Amino acid sequence: MRLTTLLDTLNQGGSGPWPTTPTTSAATDGDAFDRLVATLIPCREHDAELWFAESTADVELAKSLCQECPVRAGCLAGAIAREEPWGVWGGEVFVGGVVVPRKRGRGRPRKDEAAPAA
């Protein structure tokens, strides 16, 4: 079972033999599961702003954290399907809904992108 499917099942009461009405122990089990997932998925463990940072160094850090993520492939596939406008998704940088090799800092554009002088 994919981890995202497992998370969705847990959040919706699930289809297993456990009771669908929340109880004190079920809430505690859910909290423990959320903490476990947070330690496995870097974007849950670190500040979410890191994946949408302006700084090139922060973006590269977010990409490196994604390399060991167990749901990286699904994250990237979902971001491509949704045409995410920007941010780091599945270890790749999105700008304008397209995967780019690296995020360029602010400043002067490349010479080949500059409009010809009139």
C-alpha atoms as a PDB file:
ATOM      1  CA  MET A   1       0.000   0.000   0.000  1.00  0.00           C
ATOM      2  CA  ARG A   2       1.347   3.416  -0.906  1.00  0.00           C
ATOM      3  CA  LEU A   3       2.068   5.713   2.026  1.00  0.00           C
ATOM      4  CA  THR A   4      -0.214   8.465   0.677  1.00  0.00           C
ATOM      5  CA  THR A   5      -3.081   5.988   0.346  1.00  0.00           C
ATOM      6  CA  LEU A   6      -2.423   4.835   3.888  1.00  0.00           C
ATOM      7  CA  LEU A   7      -2.490   8.422   5.134  1.00  0.00           C
ATOM      8  CA  ASP A   8      -5.750   9.145   3.289  1.00  0.00           C
ATOM      9  CA  THR A   9      -7.319   5.977   4.693  1.00  0.00           C
ATOM     10  CA  LEU A  10      -6.274   6.864   8.216  1.00  0.00           C
ATOM     11  CA  ASN A  11      -7.556  10.439   7.953  1.00  0.00           C
ATOM     12  CA  GLN A  12     -10.953   9.311   6.599  1.00  0.00           C
ATOM     13  CA  GLY A  13     -11.634   6.676   9.218  1.00  0.00           C
ATOM     14  CA  GLY A  14     -10.209   3.867   7.116  1.00  0.00           C
ATOM     15  CA  SER A  15     -11.677   0.651   5.824  1.00  0.00           C
ATOM     16  CA  GLY A  16     -10.057  -1.655   8.346  1.00  0.00           C
ATOM     17  CA  PRO A  17     -11.453  -3.418  11.370  1.00  0.00           C
ATOM     18  CA  TRP A  18     -10.853  -0.441  13.672  1.00  0.00           C
ATOM     19  CA  PRO A  19     -13.742   1.746  14.831  1.00  0.00           C
ATOM     20  CA  THR A  20     -14.515   4.750  12.650  1.00  0.00           C
ATOM     21  CA  THR A  21     -15.552   6.885  15.614  1.00  0.00           C
ATOM     22  CA  PRO A  22     -12.582   8.581  17.224  1.00  0.00           C
ATOM     23  CA  THR A  23     -11.683   7.405  20.679  1.00  0.00           C
ATOM     24  CA  THR A  24      -8.949   8.548  23.016  1.00  0.00           C
ATOM     25  CA  SER A  25      -6.655   5.645  22.107  1.00  0.00           C
ATOM     26  CA  ALA A  26      -7.387   6.053  18.380  1.00  0.00           C
ATOM     27  CA  ALA A  27      -6.478   9.724  18.588  1.00  0.00           C
ATOM     28  CA  THR A  28      -3.275   8.806  20.405  1.00  0.00           C
ATOM     29  CA  ASP A  29      -2.475   6.169  17.755  1.00  0.00           C
ATOM     30  CA  GLY A  30      -3.146   8.720  15.018  1.00  0.00           C
ATOM     31  CA  ASP A  31      -0.858  11.248  16.695  1.00  0.00           C
ATOM     32  CA  ALA A  32       1.872   8.636  17.018  1.00  0.00           C
ATOM     33  CA  PHE A  33       1.481   7.732  13.347  1.00  0.00           C
ATOM     34  CA  ASP A  34       1.672  11.404  12.338  1.00  0.00           C
ATOM     35  CA  ARG A  35       4.894  11.795  14.342  1.00  0.00           C
ATOM     36  CA  LEU A  36       6.336   8.684  12.682  1.00  0.00           C
ATOM     37  CA  VAL A  37       5.476   9.984   9.206  1.00  0.00           C
ATOM     38  CA  ALA A  38       6.999  13.360  10.089  1.00  0.00           C
ATOM     39  CA  THR A  39      10.331  11.680  10.797  1.00  0.00           C
ATOM     40  CA  LEU A  40      10.261   9.836   7.451  1.00  0.00           C
ATOM     41  CA  ILE A  41       9.198  12.666   5.148  1.00  0.00           C
ATOM     42  CA  PRO A  42      11.547  15.687   5.134  1.00  0.00           C
ATOM     43  CA  CYS A  43       8.907  18.234   4.118  1.00  0.00           C
ATOM     44  CA  ARG A  44       6.926  17.334   7.244  1.00  0.00           C
ATOM     45  CA  GLU A  45       9.976  17.432   9.512  1.00  0.00           C
ATOM     46  CA  HIS A  46      11.504  20.737   8.317  1.00  0.00           C
ATOM     47  CA  ASP A  47      10.022  24.189   7.793  1.00  0.00           C
ATOM     48  CA  ALA A  48       7.727  24.135   4.748  1.00  0.00           C
ATOM     49  CA  GLU A  49       9.072  27.518   3.614  1.00  0.00           C
ATOM     50  CA  LEU A  50      12.332  25.792   2.671  1.00  0.00           C
ATOM     51  CA  TRP A  51      10.629  24.171  -0.337  1.00  0.00           C
ATOM     52  CA  PHE A  52       9.402  27.561  -1.584  1.00  0.00           C
ATOM     53  CA  ALA A  53      12.477  29.641  -0.749  1.00  0.00           C
ATOM     54  CA  GLU A  54      13.873  32.457  -2.875  1.00  0.00           C
ATOM     55  CA  SER A  55      17.484  31.709  -1.926  1.00  0.00           C
ATOM     56  CA  THR A  56      19.280  29.332  -4.285  1.00  0.00           C
ATOM     57  CA  ALA A  57      21.127  27.753  -1.347  1.00  0.00           C
ATOM     58  CA  ASP A  58      17.844  26.990   0.449  1.00  0.00           C
ATOM     59  CA  VAL A  59      16.338  25.504  -2.717  1.00  0.00           C
ATOM     60  CA  GLU A  60      19.381  23.254  -3.163  1.00  0.00           C
ATOM     61  CA  LEU A  61      19.079  22.162   0.491  1.00  0.00           C
ATOM     62  CA  ALA A  62      15.415  21.250  -0.067  1.00  0.00           C
ATOM     63  CA  LYS A  63      16.341  19.252  -3.178  1.00  0.00           C
ATOM     64  CA  SER A  64      19.008  17.356  -1.249  1.00  0.00           C
ATOM     65  CA  LEU A  65      16.563  16.530   1.560  1.00  0.00           C
ATOM     66  CA  CYS A  66      14.149  15.073  -1.013  1.00  0.00           C
ATOM     67  CA  GLN A  67      16.732  12.557  -2.246  1.00  0.00           C
ATOM     68  CA  GLU A  68      16.067  10.139   0.655  1.00  0.00           C
ATOM     69  CA  CYS A  69      12.287  10.647   0.841  1.00  0.00           C
ATOM     70  CA  PRO A  70      10.223   7.445   0.497  1.00  0.00           C
ATOM     71  CA  VAL A  71       7.401   9.223  -1.392  1.00  0.00           C
ATOM     72  CA  ARG A  72       9.641  11.208  -3.769  1.00  0.00           C
ATOM     73  CA  ALA A  73       8.416   9.580  -7.003  1.00  0.00           C
ATOM     74  CA  GLY A  74       4.748  10.068  -6.110  1.00  0.00           C
ATOM     75  CA  CYS A  75       5.373  13.644  -5.035  1.00  0.00           C
ATOM     76  CA  LEU A  76       7.065  14.444  -8.348  1.00  0.00           C
ATOM     77  CA  ALA A  77       4.384  12.698 -10.408  1.00  0.00           C
ATOM     78  CA  GLY A  78       1.635  14.584  -8.567  1.00  0.00           C
ATOM     79  CA  ALA A  79       3.392  17.921  -9.024  1.00  0.00           C
ATOM     80  CA  ILE A  80       3.792  17.297 -12.755  1.00  0.00           C
ATOM     81  CA  ALA A  81       0.129  16.304 -13.068  1.00  0.00           C
ATOM     82  CA  ARG A  82      -0.982  19.416 -11.156  1.00  0.00           C
ATOM     83  CA  GLU A  83       1.496  21.643 -13.026  1.00  0.00           C
ATOM     84  CA  GLU A  84       2.699  23.140  -9.740  1.00  0.00           C
ATOM     85  CA  PRO A  85       3.541  26.800 -10.369  1.00  0.00           C
ATOM     86  CA  TRP A  86       6.704  26.827  -8.260  1.00  0.00           C
ATOM     87  CA  GLY A  87       8.666  25.215  -5.454  1.00  0.00           C
ATOM     88  CA  VAL A  88      10.595  22.004  -4.884  1.00  0.00           C
ATOM     89  CA  TRP A  89       8.507  18.878  -5.481  1.00  0.00           C
ATOM     90  CA  GLY A  90       9.959  15.375  -5.530  1.00  0.00           C
ATOM     91  CA  GLY A  91      13.487  16.752  -5.521  1.00  0.00           C
ATOM     92  CA  GLU A  92      12.946  18.887  -8.626  1.00  0.00           C
ATOM     93  CA  VAL A  93      12.501  22.646  -8.989  1.00  0.00           C
ATOM     94  CA  PHE A  94       9.306  23.905 -10.609  1.00  0.00           C
ATOM     95  CA  VAL A  95       9.049  27.379 -12.106  1.00  0.00           C
ATOM     96  CA  GLY A  96       5.892  28.257 -14.004  1.00  0.00           C
ATOM     97  CA  GLY A  97       4.633  24.662 -13.896  1.00  0.00           C
ATOM     98  CA  VAL A  98       7.768  23.297 -15.596  1.00  0.00           C
ATOM     99  CA  VAL A  99      10.710  21.375 -14.117  1.00  0.00           C
ATOM    100  CA  VAL A 100      13.932  23.394 -14.394  1.00  0.00           C
ATOM    101  CA  PRO A 101      17.485  22.215 -13.650  1.00  0.00           C
ATOM    102  CA  ARG A 102      18.134  24.909 -11.049  1.00  0.00           C
ATOM    103  CA  LYS A 103      16.570  28.054  -9.768  1.00  0.00           C
ATOM    104  CA  ARG A 104      18.311  31.198 -10.876  1.00  0.00           C
ATOM    105  CA  GLY A 105      18.742  34.009  -8.421  1.00  0.00           C
ATOM    106  CA  ARG A 106      17.390  37.461  -9.016  1.00  0.00           C
ATOM    107  CA  GLY A 107      19.421  39.767 -11.165  1.00  0.00           C
ATOM    108  CA  ARG A 108      20.526  40.220 -14.695  1.00  0.00           C
ATOM    109  CA  PRO A 109      19.072  37.713 -17.193  1.00  0.00           C
ATOM    110  CA  ARG A 110      21.262  35.494 -19.371  1.00  0.00           C
ATOM    111  CA  LYS A 111      22.561  37.090 -22.559  1.00  0.00           C
ATOM    112  CA  ASP A 112      20.737  34.619 -24.790  1.00  0.00           C
ATOM    113  CA  GLU A 113      17.411  35.521 -23.119  1.00  0.00           C
ATOM    114  CA  ALA A 114      17.887  39.273 -23.559  1.00  0.00           C
ATOM    115  CA  ALA A 115      15.885  40.981 -26.263  1.00  0.00           C
ATOM    116  CA  PRO A 116      17.962  42.259 -29.197  1.00  0.00           C
ATOM    117  CA  ALA A 117      18.779  45.923 -29.097  1.00  0.00           C
ATOM    118  CA  ALA A 118      16.760  48.026 -31.519  1.00  0.00           C
END
